[in-house]
C-alpha atoms as a PDB file:
ATOM      1  CA  UNK A   1       0.281  -0.123   0.313  1.00  0.00           C
ATOM      2  CA  UNK A   2       1.326   3.207  -1.116  1.00  0.00           C
ATOM      3  CA  UNK A   3       1.397   6.281   1.200  1.00  0.00           C
ATOM      4  CA  UNK A   4      -0.390   9.290  -0.175  1.00  0.00           C
ATOM      5  CA  UNK A   5       2.397  11.593  -1.274  1.00  0.00           C
ATOM      6  CA  UNK A   6       4.649   8.998  -1.340  1.00  0.00           C
ATOM      7  CA  UNK A   7       5.831   7.443  -4.913  1.00  0.00           C
ATOM      8  CA  UNK A   8       5.510   3.808  -5.081  1.00  0.00           C
ATOM      9  CA  UNK A   9       7.800   0.948  -4.729  1.00  0.00           C
ATOM     10  CA  UNK A  10       8.283   0.667  -8.407  1.00  0.00           C
ATOM     11  CA  UNK A  11       8.787   4.303  -9.021  1.00  0.00           C
ATOM     12  CA  UNK A  12      11.540   4.127  -6.725  1.00  0.00           C
ATOM     13  CA  UNK A  13      13.018   1.438  -8.208  1.00  0.00           C
ATOM     14  CA  UNK A  14      12.820   3.042 -11.682  1.00  0.00           C
ATOM     15  CA  UNK A  15      14.743   6.372 -10.060  1.00  0.00           C
ATOM     16  CA  UNK A  16      17.537   4.639  -8.582  1.00  0.00           C
ATOM     17  CA  UNK A  17      17.704   2.385 -11.503  1.00  0.00           C
ATOM     18  CA  UNK A  18      17.864   5.710 -13.790  1.00  0.00           C
ATOM     19  CA  UNK A  19      20.307   7.386 -11.747  1.00  0.00           C
ATOM     20  CA  UNK A  20      22.313   4.277 -11.897  1.00  0.00           C
ATOM     21  CA  UNK A  21      22.440   4.574 -15.795  1.00  0.00           C
ATOM     22  CA  UNK A  22      23.357   8.230 -15.447  1.00  0.00           C
ATOM     23  CA  UNK A  23      26.427   7.455 -12.941  1.00  0.00           C
ATOM     24  CA  UNK A  24      27.998   4.318 -15.657  1.00  0.00           C
ATOM     25  CA  UNK A  25      27.580   7.337 -18.240  1.00  0.00           C
ATOM     26  CA  UNK A  26      29.532   9.450 -16.324  1.00  0.00           C
ATOM     27  CA  UNK A  27      31.784   7.597 -14.611  1.00  0.00           C
ATOM     28  CA  UNK A  28      35.039   8.165 -17.486  1.00  0.00           C
ATOM     29  CA  UNK A  29      34.469  11.509 -17.530  1.00  0.00           C
ATOM     30  CA  UNK A  30      34.259  11.576 -13.270  1.00  0.00           C
ATOM     31  CA  UNK A  31      37.473   9.725 -13.078  1.00  0.00           C
ATOM     32  CA  UNK A  32      39.178  11.903 -15.534  1.00  0.00           C
ATOM     33  CA  UNK A  33      38.603  14.945 -14.020  1.00  0.00           C
ATOM     34  CA  UNK A  34      39.729  13.186 -10.104  1.00  0.00           C
ATOM     35  CA  UNK A  35      42.867  11.941 -11.678  1.00  0.00           C
ATOM     36  CA  UNK A  36      45.577  13.766 -11.320  1.00  0.00           C
ATOM     37  CA  UNK A  37      46.951  15.682 -14.300  1.00  0.00           C
ATOM     38  CA  UNK A  38      50.598  14.406 -15.393  1.00  0.00           C
ATOM     39  CA  UNK A  39      52.872  15.428 -16.130  1.00  0.00           C
ATOM     40  CA  UNK A  40      52.256  18.152 -13.484  1.00  0.00           C
ATOM     41  CA  UNK A  41      55.889  19.477 -12.895  1.00  0.00           C
ATOM     42  CA  UNK A  42      59.368  18.950 -14.364  1.00  0.00           C
ATOM     43  CA  UNK A  43      60.494  15.114 -15.608  1.00  0.00           C
ATOM     44  CA  UNK A  44      63.690  14.303 -14.654  1.00  0.00           C
ATOM     45  CA  UNK A  45      65.361  11.383 -16.798  1.00  0.00           C
ATOM     46  CA  UNK A  46      68.504  10.144 -14.791  1.00  0.00           C
ATOM     47  CA  UNK A  47      71.343   8.783 -16.854  1.00  0.00           C
ATOM     48  CA  UNK A  48      73.868   6.823 -15.366  1.00  0.00           C
ATOM     49  CA  UNK A  49      76.856   8.077 -17.761  1.00  0.00           C
ATOM     50  CA  UNK A  50      78.735  11.069 -18.585  1.00  0.00           C
ATOM     51  CA  UNK A  51      76.986  13.462 -21.016  1.00  0.00           C
ATOM     52  CA  UNK A  52      78.155  12.844 -24.558  1.00  0.00           C
ATOM     53  CA  UNK A  53      78.350   9.012 -24.206  1.00  0.00           C
ATOM     54  CA  UNK A  54      76.123   6.451 -26.340  1.00  0.00           C
ATOM     55  CA  UNK A  55      73.405   6.316 -23.544  1.00  0.00           C
ATOM     56  CA  UNK A  56      73.208  10.177 -23.240  1.00  0.00           C
ATOM     57  CA  UNK A  57      72.646  10.683 -26.872  1.00  0.00           C
ATOM     58  CA  UNK A  58      69.729   8.688 -26.865  1.00  0.00           C
ATOM     59  CA  UNK A  59      68.234  10.025 -23.695  1.00  0.00           C
ATOM     60  CA  UNK A  60      68.480  13.551 -25.155  1.00  0.00           C
ATOM     61  CA  UNK A  61      66.761  12.491 -28.563  1.00  0.00           C
ATOM     62  CA  UNK A  62      63.890  10.817 -26.511  1.00  0.00           C
ATOM     63  CA  UNK A  63      63.432  13.514 -24.844  1.00  0.00           C
ATOM     64  CA  UNK A  64      63.116  15.719 -27.291  1.00  0.00           C
ATOM     65  CA  UNK A  65      60.325  14.198 -28.790  1.00  0.00           C
ATOM     66  CA  UNK A  66      58.821  13.286 -25.459  1.00  0.00           C
ATOM     67  CA  UNK A  67      58.524  17.081 -23.906  1.00  0.00           C
ATOM     68  CA  UNK A  68      57.119  17.892 -27.478  1.00  0.00           C
ATOM     69  CA  UNK A  69      54.321  15.624 -26.918  1.00  0.00           C
ATOM     70  CA  UNK A  70      53.748  16.475 -23.446  1.00  0.00           C
ATOM     71  CA  UNK A  71      53.978  19.492 -23.414  1.00  0.00           C
ATOM     72  CA  UNK A  72      56.320  19.666 -20.440  1.00  0.00           C
ATOM     73  CA  UNK A  73      59.929  20.331 -19.656  1.00  0.00           C
ATOM     74  CA  UNK A  74      62.252  16.839 -19.425  1.00  0.00           C
ATOM     75  CA  UNK A  75      65.797  17.253 -18.233  1.00  0.00           C
ATOM     76  CA  UNK A  76      68.014  14.792 -18.429  1.00  0.00           C
ATOM     77  CA  UNK A  77      70.531  14.132 -15.539  1.00  0.00           C
ATOM     78  CA  UNK A  78      73.256  12.621 -15.815  1.00  0.00           C
ATOM     79  CA  UNK A  79      74.751  10.955 -12.399  1.00  0.00           C
ATOM     80  CA  UNK A  80      77.727   8.793 -13.755  1.00  0.00           C
ATOM     81  CA  UNK A  81      80.433   6.607 -11.433  1.00  0.00           C
ATOM     82  CA  UNK A  82      80.189   2.917  -9.214  1.00  0.00           C
ATOM     83  CA  UNK A  83      78.962   1.171 -12.965  1.00  0.00           C
ATOM     84  CA  UNK A  84      75.459   2.633 -12.712  1.00  0.00           C
ATOM     85  CA  UNK A  85      75.079   2.084  -9.149  1.00  0.00           C
ATOM     86  CA  UNK A  86      74.854   4.984  -8.063  1.00  0.00           C
ATOM     87  CA  UNK A  87      72.317   6.674  -9.924  1.00  0.00           C
ATOM     88  CA  UNK A  88      70.132   3.625  -9.618  1.00  0.00           C
ATOM     89  CA  UNK A  89      70.357   4.000  -6.105  1.00  0.00           C
ATOM     90  CA  UNK A  90      68.974   7.461  -6.262  1.00  0.00           C
ATOM     91  CA  UNK A  91      66.056   6.168  -8.606  1.00  0.00           C
ATOM     92  CA  UNK A  92      65.143   3.369  -6.560  1.00  0.00           C
ATOM     93  CA  UNK A  93      64.627   5.584  -3.233  1.00  0.00           C
ATOM     94  CA  UNK A  94      62.654   7.979  -5.693  1.00  0.00           C
ATOM     95  CA  UNK A  95      59.068   8.738  -5.604  1.00  0.00           C
ATOM     96  CA  UNK A  96      56.723   6.655  -8.001  1.00  0.00           C
ATOM     97  CA  UNK A  97      54.848   9.299  -9.755  1.00  0.00           C
ATOM     98  CA  UNK A  98      55.966   9.265 -13.047  1.00  0.00           C
ATOM     99  CA  UNK A  99      58.404  12.457 -12.456  1.00  0.00           C
ATOM    100  CA  UNK A 100      61.514  10.560 -12.110  1.00  0.00           C
ATOM    101  CA  UNK A 101      62.644   8.040 -14.961  1.00  0.00           C
ATOM    102  CA  UNK A 102      65.821   6.099 -15.591  1.00  0.00           C
ATOM    103  CA  UNK A 103      67.377   5.470 -18.412  1.00  0.00           C
ATOM    104  CA  UNK A 104      69.736   2.432 -18.515  1.00  0.00           C
ATOM    105  CA  UNK A 105      71.909  -0.432 -20.164  1.00  0.00           C
ATOM    106  CA  UNK A 106      72.867  -3.896 -19.314  1.00  0.00           C
ATOM    107  CA  UNK A 107      75.257  -2.537 -16.730  1.00  0.00           C
ATOM    108  CA  UNK A 108      72.108  -2.150 -14.981  1.00  0.00           C
ATOM    109  CA  UNK A 109      71.290  -6.110 -14.451  1.00  0.00           C
ATOM    110  CA  UNK A 110      74.560  -7.214 -14.608  1.00  0.00           C
ATOM    111  CA  UNK A 111      75.410  -4.761 -11.350  1.00  0.00           C
ATOM    112  CA  UNK A 112      73.231  -7.050  -9.270  1.00  0.00           C
ATOM    113  CA  UNK A 113      75.867  -9.937 -10.195  1.00  0.00           C
ATOM    114  CA  UNK A 114      79.015  -8.273  -9.398  1.00  0.00           C
ATOM    115  CA  UNK A 115      78.401  -5.516  -6.338  1.00  0.00           C
ATOM    116  CA  UNK A 116      78.075  -7.591  -2.795  1.00  0.00           C
ATOM    117  CA  UNK A 117      76.254  -4.518  -1.290  1.00  0.00           C
ATOM    118  CA  UNK A 118      74.013  -2.559  -3.084  1.00  0.00           C
ATOM    119  CA  UNK A 119      71.112  -0.801  -1.589  1.00  0.00           C
ATOM    120  CA  UNK A 120      68.485  -1.811  -3.993  1.00  0.00           C
ATOM    121  CA  UNK A 121      67.093  -4.615  -6.236  1.00  0.00           C
ATOM    122  CA  UNK A 122      68.103  -4.142  -9.900  1.00  0.00           C
ATOM    123  CA  UNK A 123      64.883  -6.220 -10.467  1.00  0.00           C
ATOM    124  CA  UNK A 124      62.483  -5.609  -7.812  1.00  0.00           C
ATOM    125  CA  UNK A 125      63.057  -1.996  -6.906  1.00  0.00           C
ATOM    126  CA  UNK A 126      62.133  -0.814 -10.422  1.00  0.00           C
ATOM    127  CA  UNK A 127      59.135  -0.841 -13.046  1.00  0.00           C
ATOM    128  CA  UNK A 128      60.321  -1.651 -16.486  1.00  0.00           C
ATOM    129  CA  UNK A 129      58.679   0.778 -19.169  1.00  0.00           C
ATOM    130  CA  UNK A 130      60.456   0.222 -22.379  1.00  0.00           C
ATOM    131  CA  UNK A 131      63.266  -1.276 -23.976  1.00  0.00           C
ATOM    132  CA  UNK A 132      64.100   0.965 -26.552  1.00  0.00           C
ATOM    133  CA  UNK A 133      66.475  -0.261 -28.658  1.00  0.00           C
ATOM    134  CA  UNK A 134      69.978  -2.760 -28.508  1.00  0.00           C
ATOM    135  CA  UNK A 135      73.292  -2.188 -29.770  1.00  0.00           C
ATOM    136  CA  UNK A 136      74.973  -5.730 -30.271  1.00  0.00           C
ATOM    137  CA  UNK A 137      78.601  -6.300 -29.205  1.00  0.00           C
ATOM    138  CA  UNK A 138      80.667  -7.119 -32.331  1.00  0.00           C
ATOM    139  CA  UNK A 139      83.554  -9.327 -32.169  1.00  0.00           C
ATOM    140  CA  UNK A 140      86.384  -6.811 -33.715  1.00  0.00           C
ATOM    141  CA  UNK A 141      90.219  -7.777 -34.363  1.00  0.00           C
ATOM    142  CA  UNK A 142      93.388  -6.121 -34.570  1.00  0.00           C
ATOM    143  CA  UNK A 143      94.339  -5.481 -38.406  1.00  0.00           C
ATOM    144  CA  UNK A 144      97.713  -6.980 -38.094  1.00  0.00           C
ATOM    145  CA  UNK A 145      95.995  -9.912 -36.721  1.00  0.00           C
ATOM    146  CA  UNK A 146      95.842 -12.868 -39.754  1.00  0.00           C
ATOM    147  CA  UNK A 147      92.394 -14.555 -39.607  1.00  0.00           C
ATOM    148  CA  UNK A 148      89.252 -13.419 -41.636  1.00  0.00           C
ATOM    149  CA  UNK A 149      86.340 -15.162 -39.957  1.00  0.00           C
ATOM    150  CA  UNK A 150      85.085 -16.877 -36.915  1.00  0.00           C
ATOM    151  CA  UNK A 151      86.896 -20.430 -37.719  1.00  0.00           C
ATOM    152  CA  UNK A 152      89.997 -18.787 -38.415  1.00  0.00           C
ATOM    153  CA  UNK A 153      89.800 -16.874 -35.354  1.00  0.00           C
ATOM    154  CA  UNK A 154      89.205 -19.639 -32.980  1.00  0.00           C
ATOM    155  CA  UNK A 155      91.852 -21.819 -34.045  1.00  0.00           C
ATOM    156  CA  UNK A 156      94.167 -19.244 -33.540  1.00  0.00           C
ATOM    157  CA  UNK A 157      93.463 -18.696 -30.087  1.00  0.00           C
ATOM    158  CA  UNK A 158      93.223 -22.021 -29.557  1.00  0.00           C
ATOM    159  CA  UNK A 159      95.950 -22.876 -30.952  1.00  0.00           C
ATOM    160  CA  UNK A 160      97.701 -20.148 -28.627  1.00  0.00           C
ATOM    161  CA  UNK A 161      96.324 -20.506 -25.272  1.00  0.00           C
ATOM    162  CA  UNK A 162      96.913 -17.467 -22.579  1.00  0.00           C
ATOM    163  CA  UNK A 163      98.802 -15.614 -25.550  1.00  0.00           C
ATOM    164  CA  UNK A 164      96.095 -14.203 -26.713  1.00  0.00           C
ATOM    165  CA  UNK A 165      94.534 -10.888 -25.524  1.00  0.00           C
ATOM    166  CA  UNK A 166      90.812  -9.397 -25.526  1.00  0.00           C
ATOM    167  CA  UNK A 167      90.075  -5.895 -24.349  1.00  0.00           C
ATOM    168  CA  UNK A 168      87.134  -4.627 -22.444  1.00  0.00           C
ATOM    169  CA  UNK A 169      86.468  -0.992 -21.342  1.00  0.00           C
ATOM    170  CA  UNK A 170      86.411  -2.654 -17.378  1.00  0.00           C
ATOM    171  CA  UNK A 171      85.617  -5.654 -15.196  1.00  0.00           C
ATOM    172  CA  UNK A 172      82.354  -7.102 -15.247  1.00  0.00           C
ATOM    173  CA  UNK A 173      80.997  -5.256 -18.018  1.00  0.00           C
ATOM    174  CA  UNK A 174      79.171  -6.436 -20.828  1.00  0.00           C
ATOM    175  CA  UNK A 175      82.041  -6.842 -22.869  1.00  0.00           C
ATOM    176  CA  UNK A 176      84.008  -8.186 -20.555  1.00  0.00           C
ATOM    177  CA  UNK A 177      81.484 -10.704 -19.741  1.00  0.00           C
ATOM    178  CA  UNK A 178      81.176 -11.776 -23.436  1.00  0.00           C
ATOM    179  CA  UNK A 179      84.937 -12.497 -23.688  1.00  0.00           C
ATOM    180  CA  UNK A 180      84.603 -15.058 -20.926  1.00  0.00           C
ATOM    181  CA  UNK A 181      81.486 -16.753 -22.489  1.00  0.00           C
ATOM    182  CA  UNK A 182      83.602 -17.019 -25.418  1.00  0.00           C
ATOM    183  CA  UNK A 183      85.774 -18.638 -23.545  1.00  0.00           C
ATOM    184  CA  UNK A 184      83.905 -20.933 -21.804  1.00  0.00           C
ATOM    185  CA  UNK A 185      82.034 -22.134 -25.032  1.00  0.00           C
ATOM    186  CA  UNK A 186      84.823 -22.380 -27.000  1.00  0.00           C
ATOM    187  CA  UNK A 187      87.111 -23.976 -24.626  1.00  0.00           C
ATOM    188  CA  UNK A 188      89.371 -21.326 -25.203  1.00  0.00           C
ATOM    189  CA  UNK A 189      92.060 -19.255 -22.597  1.00  0.00           C
ATOM    190  CA  UNK A 190      92.239 -15.781 -23.975  1.00  0.00           C
ATOM    191  CA  UNK A 191      93.405 -13.328 -21.670  1.00  0.00           C
ATOM    192  CA  UNK A 192      91.589 -10.308 -20.222  1.00  0.00           C
ATOM    193  CA  UNK A 193      92.900  -6.600 -20.672  1.00  0.00           C
ATOM    194  CA  UNK A 194      90.437  -4.157 -18.442  1.00  0.00           C
ATOM    195  CA  UNK A 195      91.129  -0.776 -19.212  1.00  0.00           C
ATOM    196  CA  UNK A 196      88.761   2.525 -17.826  1.00  0.00           C
ATOM    197  CA  UNK A 197      86.076   2.951 -21.046  1.00  0.00           C
ATOM    198  CA  UNK A 198      86.034   2.151 -24.455  1.00  0.00           C
ATOM    199  CA  UNK A 199      88.347   4.782 -26.109  1.00  0.00           C
ATOM    200  CA  UNK A 200      91.762   3.815 -24.666  1.00  0.00           C
ATOM    201  CA  UNK A 201      90.844   0.253 -25.224  1.00  0.00           C
ATOM    202  CA  UNK A 202      89.782   0.588 -28.822  1.00  0.00           C
ATOM    203  CA  UNK A 203      93.475   2.942 -29.113  1.00  0.00           C
ATOM    204  CA  UNK A 204      95.501  -0.255 -27.824  1.00  0.00           C
ATOM    205  CA  UNK A 205      93.330  -2.645 -30.305  1.00  0.00           C
ATOM    206  CA  UNK A 206      93.900  -0.759 -33.528  1.00  0.00           C
ATOM    207  CA  UNK A 207      97.864  -0.111 -32.506  1.00  0.00           C
ATOM    208  CA  UNK A 208      98.115  -3.751 -31.441  1.00  0.00           C
ATOM    209  CA  UNK A 209      98.535  -3.489 -27.876  1.00  0.00           C
ATOM    210  CA  UNK A 210      95.813  -6.124 -27.375  1.00  0.00           C
ATOM    211  CA  UNK A 211      94.435  -8.672 -30.043  1.00  0.00           C
ATOM    212  CA  UNK A 212      90.252  -8.777 -30.024  1.00  0.00           C
ATOM    213  CA  UNK A 213      87.528  -7.289 -28.126  1.00  0.00           C
ATOM    214  CA  UNK A 214      84.053  -7.586 -27.788  1.00  0.00           C
ATOM    215  CA  UNK A 215      82.937  -3.975 -28.578  1.00  0.00           C
ATOM    216  CA  UNK A 216      79.429  -2.145 -28.784  1.00  0.00           C
ATOM    217  CA  UNK A 217      78.689  -1.764 -32.272  1.00  0.00           C
ATOM    218  CA  UNK A 218      78.512   1.870 -32.384  1.00  0.00           C
ATOM    219  CA  UNK A 219      81.760   2.619 -30.621  1.00  0.00           C
ATOM    220  CA  UNK A 220      83.400   0.951 -33.644  1.00  0.00           C
ATOM    221  CA  UNK A 221      81.763   1.728 -36.539  1.00  0.00           C
ATOM    222  CA  UNK A 222      84.110   4.172 -38.108  1.00  0.00           C
ATOM    223  CA  UNK A 223      87.290   1.747 -37.367  1.00  0.00           C
ATOM    224  CA  UNK A 224      85.374  -0.865 -39.086  1.00  0.00           C
ATOM    225  CA  UNK A 225      84.406   1.209 -42.228  1.00  0.00           C
ATOM    226  CA  UNK A 226      88.157   2.827 -42.264  1.00  0.00           C
ATOM    227  CA  UNK A 227      89.755  -0.641 -41.989  1.00  0.00           C
ATOM    228  CA  UNK A 228      91.213  -0.142 -38.892  1.00  0.00           C
ATOM    229  CA  UNK A 229      89.603  -2.896 -37.259  1.00  0.00           C
ATOM    230  CA  UNK A 230      88.527  -6.109 -38.782  1.00  0.00           C
ATOM    231  CA  UNK A 231      84.923  -7.463 -37.697  1.00  0.00           C
ATOM    232  CA  UNK A 232      84.343 -11.097 -37.335  1.00  0.00           C
ATOM    233  CA  UNK A 233      80.798 -11.644 -36.272  1.00  0.00           C
ATOM    234  CA  UNK A 234      77.793  -9.964 -34.408  1.00  0.00           C
ATOM    235  CA  UNK A 235      76.549 -11.409 -31.328  1.00  0.00           C
ATOM    236  CA  UNK A 236      72.790 -10.689 -32.236  1.00  0.00           C
ATOM    237  CA  UNK A 237      69.810 -12.769 -33.450  1.00  0.00           C
ATOM    238  CA  UNK A 238      69.897 -11.094 -36.645  1.00  0.00           C
ATOM    239  CA  UNK A 239      72.325  -9.102 -38.669  1.00  0.00           C
ATOM    240  CA  UNK A 240      72.227  -5.166 -38.484  1.00  0.00           C
ATOM    241  CA  UNK A 241      70.690  -2.853 -40.900  1.00  0.00           C
ATOM    242  CA  UNK A 242      73.517  -0.582 -40.769  1.00  0.00           C
ATOM    243  CA  UNK A 243      76.417  -3.238 -41.025  1.00  0.00           C
ATOM    244  CA  UNK A 244      74.469  -6.053 -43.353  1.00  0.00           C
ATOM    245  CA  UNK A 245      77.625  -7.934 -44.461  1.00  0.00           C
ATOM    246  CA  UNK A 246      78.629  -8.725 -40.979  1.00  0.00           C
ATOM    247  CA  UNK A 247      77.714 -12.064 -40.225  1.00  0.00           C
ATOM    248  CA  UNK A 248      76.400 -13.399 -36.836  1.00  0.00           C
ATOM    249  CA  UNK A 249      77.513 -16.140 -34.687  1.00  0.00           C
ATOM    250  CA  UNK A 250      74.379 -18.116 -34.882  1.00  0.00           C
ATOM    251  CA  UNK A 251      74.813 -17.780 -38.729  1.00  0.00           C
ATOM    252  CA  UNK A 252      78.423 -19.222 -38.235  1.00  0.00           C
ATOM    253  CA  UNK A 253      77.404 -21.738 -36.003  1.00  0.00           C
ATOM    254  CA  UNK A 254      77.381 -20.867 -32.142  1.00  0.00           C
ATOM    255  CA  UNK A 255      73.550 -20.378 -31.379  1.00  0.00           C
ATOM    256  CA  UNK A 256      72.329 -18.089 -29.089  1.00  0.00           C
ATOM    257  CA  UNK A 257      75.563 -16.259 -28.637  1.00  0.00           C
ATOM    258  CA  UNK A 258      73.976 -13.235 -28.051  1.00  0.00           C
ATOM    259  CA  UNK A 259      74.863  -9.801 -26.335  1.00  0.00           C
ATOM    260  CA  UNK A 260      74.283  -6.281 -26.283  1.00  0.00           C
ATOM    261  CA  UNK A 261      74.290  -3.064 -24.896  1.00  0.00           C
ATOM    262  CA  UNK A 262      70.423  -1.907 -24.734  1.00  0.00           C
ATOM    263  CA  UNK A 263      68.908   1.328 -23.776  1.00  0.00           C
ATOM    264  CA  UNK A 264      65.817   0.920 -21.488  1.00  0.00           C
ATOM    265  CA  UNK A 265      63.644   3.479 -19.873  1.00  0.00           C
ATOM    266  CA  UNK A 266      62.658   2.407 -16.055  1.00  0.00           C
ATOM    267  CA  UNK A 267      60.948   3.643 -12.554  1.00  0.00           C
ATOM    268  CA  UNK A 268      60.779   3.450  -9.310  1.00  0.00           C
ATOM    269  CA  UNK A 269      58.593   0.132  -8.838  1.00  0.00           C
ATOM    270  CA  UNK A 270      55.952   2.452  -6.819  1.00  0.00           C
ATOM    271  CA  UNK A 271      54.922   3.609 -10.045  1.00  0.00           C
ATOM    272  CA  UNK A 272      51.327   2.785 -10.508  1.00  0.00           C
ATOM    273  CA  UNK A 273      50.200   0.427 -13.369  1.00  0.00           C
ATOM    274  CA  UNK A 274      47.972   3.347 -15.166  1.00  0.00           C
ATOM    275  CA  UNK A 275      50.672   5.743 -15.252  1.00  0.00           C
ATOM    276  CA  UNK A 276      53.215   2.588 -15.887  1.00  0.00           C
ATOM    277  CA  UNK A 277      51.373   2.181 -19.296  1.00  0.00           C
ATOM    278  CA  UNK A 278      50.580   5.368 -20.373  1.00  0.00           C
ATOM    279  CA  UNK A 279      54.553   6.807 -20.046  1.00  0.00           C
ATOM    280  CA  UNK A 280      55.655   3.710 -21.712  1.00  0.00           C
ATOM    281  CA  UNK A 281      53.073   4.317 -24.495  1.00  0.00           C
ATOM    282  CA  UNK A 282      54.101   7.608 -25.037  1.00  0.00           C
ATOM    283  CA  UNK A 283      58.085   6.673 -25.422  1.00  0.00           C
ATOM    284  CA  UNK A 284      57.083   3.891 -27.500  1.00  0.00           C
ATOM    285  CA  UNK A 285      55.104   6.563 -29.910  1.00  0.00           C
ATOM    286  CA  UNK A 286      58.058   8.543 -30.243  1.00  0.00           C
ATOM    287  CA  UNK A 287      60.596   5.938 -30.742  1.00  0.00           C
ATOM    288  CA  UNK A 288      58.232   5.010 -33.497  1.00  0.00           C
ATOM    289  CA  UNK A 289      58.447   8.394 -35.498  1.00  0.00           C
ATOM    290  CA  UNK A 290      60.817   7.962 -38.334  1.00  0.00           C
ATOM    291  CA  UNK A 291      63.591  10.472 -37.629  1.00  0.00           C
ATOM    292  CA  UNK A 292      64.208   9.099 -34.326  1.00  0.00           C
ATOM    293  CA  UNK A 293      63.524   5.607 -35.303  1.00  0.00           C
ATOM    294  CA  UNK A 294      66.629   6.317 -38.098  1.00  0.00           C
ATOM    295  CA  UNK A 295      68.970   8.084 -35.819  1.00  0.00           C
ATOM    296  CA  UNK A 296      68.875   4.648 -33.697  1.00  0.00           C
ATOM    297  CA  UNK A 297      69.178   2.621 -36.745  1.00  0.00           C
ATOM    298  CA  UNK A 298      72.429   5.012 -37.536  1.00  0.00           C
ATOM    299  CA  UNK A 299      74.193   4.258 -34.083  1.00  0.00           C
ATOM    300  CA  UNK A 300      74.036   0.517 -35.447  1.00  0.00           C
ATOM    301  CA  UNK A 301      71.086   0.081 -32.998  1.00  0.00           C
ATOM    302  CA  UNK A 302      67.910  -2.808 -33.658  1.00  0.00           C
ATOM    303  CA  UNK A 303      65.014  -0.736 -32.694  1.00  0.00           C
ATOM    304  CA  UNK A 304      62.557  -2.716 -30.080  1.00  0.00           C
ATOM    305  CA  UNK A 305      60.748  -0.369 -28.286  1.00  0.00           C
ATOM    306  CA  UNK A 306      58.896  -3.207 -26.006  1.00  0.00           C
ATOM    307  CA  UNK A 307      55.984  -2.739 -23.515  1.00  0.00           C
ATOM    308  CA  UNK A 308      56.380  -2.708 -19.712  1.00  0.00           C
ATOM    309  CA  UNK A 309      55.622  -6.975 -19.941  1.00  0.00           C
ATOM    310  CA  UNK A 310      57.929  -7.554 -22.416  1.00  0.00           C
ATOM    311  CA  UNK A 311      60.988  -5.680 -20.762  1.00  0.00           C
ATOM    312  CA  UNK A 312      60.481  -7.364 -17.962  1.00  0.00           C
ATOM    313  CA  UNK A 313      60.912 -10.537 -19.530  1.00  0.00           C
ATOM    314  CA  UNK A 314      63.870  -9.417 -21.081  1.00  0.00           C
ATOM    315  CA  UNK A 315      65.479  -8.484 -17.888  1.00  0.00           C
ATOM    316  CA  UNK A 316      65.021 -11.286 -15.836  1.00  0.00           C
ATOM    317  CA  UNK A 317      66.428 -13.645 -18.964  1.00  0.00           C
ATOM    318  CA  UNK A 318      69.440 -10.991 -19.183  1.00  0.00           C
ATOM    319  CA  UNK A 319      69.833 -11.741 -15.491  1.00  0.00           C
ATOM    320  CA  UNK A 320      70.077 -15.361 -15.680  1.00  0.00           C
ATOM    321  CA  UNK A 321      72.147 -15.057 -18.498  1.00  0.00           C
ATOM    322  CA  UNK A 322      74.836 -13.314 -16.866  1.00  0.00           C
ATOM    323  CA  UNK A 323      74.629 -15.163 -13.742  1.00  0.00           C
ATOM    324  CA  UNK A 324      76.178 -18.059 -14.920  1.00  0.00           C
ATOM    325  CA  UNK A 325      79.348 -16.072 -16.743  1.00  0.00           C
ATOM    326  CA  UNK A 326      79.930 -14.046 -13.442  1.00  0.00           C
ATOM    327  CA  UNK A 327      79.920 -17.005 -11.554  1.00  0.00           C
ATOM    328  CA  UNK A 328      82.783 -18.775 -14.555  1.00  0.00           C
ATOM    329  CA  UNK A 329      84.772 -15.765 -14.330  1.00  0.00           C
ATOM    330  CA  UNK A 330      85.040 -15.020 -10.640  1.00  0.00           C
ATOM    331  CA  UNK A 331      84.311 -11.535 -11.381  1.00  0.00           C
ATOM    332  CA  UNK A 332      83.282  -9.501  -8.034  1.00  0.00           C
ATOM    333  CA  UNK A 333      83.399  -5.905  -6.950  1.00  0.00           C
ATOM    334  CA  UNK A 334      83.120  -5.077  -3.333  1.00  0.00           C
END
């Protein structure tokens, strides 16, 4: 029975239903209005290397495009030192609001295996956003070494145990560990000679003080082109557009012999899933622009532009791969 002046239960139900439908229709707009604007302040992209290096060059190329897309300033903050661990520690402690990002390389995953006392976990304390590109390592030899291909180089090393040397830009780098991976795979005994960076290592290699190097392709491209270094094979799954004549180790019989310097963007682990997808999508969009893509290819890179999930899987695989090589080499940094 309906009380005079009061709506019937049926009318109340209809009003509630209409109200629910209206709220449902308005929900996206309300959520958008309530969501914080991003970016709402200057974004800082930390780079764990000095200005002018390959990582810095890639970072600044991406930042130029991303700042235009967001209509907001992005500052590149170079924080070199301690094999990228100083910069990584700072980012790991930072706020996960999207305004602090980190452009790093393969050294990030390797560091967790080399350093005994890190204040962060390279995998758990970061949110992977996107793997922008990979630049494979290439085996190059001094011009006076009388080898023309991988078979000849391997035979030469095997017949000159403990006499053939390979250079690297430092202990525990991907270049060093790739040399150790070659030793383990091919049962060779090349002697490691560490340098303080790529430049002195390559200078000595061209001068004949050392015999070989697993070098980042970008760094040795001009020396390969000039004939000052002989390229033997690429540690990559496929040939690279910039140097199509250099075969891969896989083509030459060494399956899954892959190693690269990669460029990827991380954020503090507390970054929300929604912001993770938003920032990743925006970075991937600018990397896909033809002029930026062409610039990465010109550096000898293979453009990847992965999703957060794909980048996470890649980093986990990198960690497992280098873990075995670090154990075999005995490399450690206190």
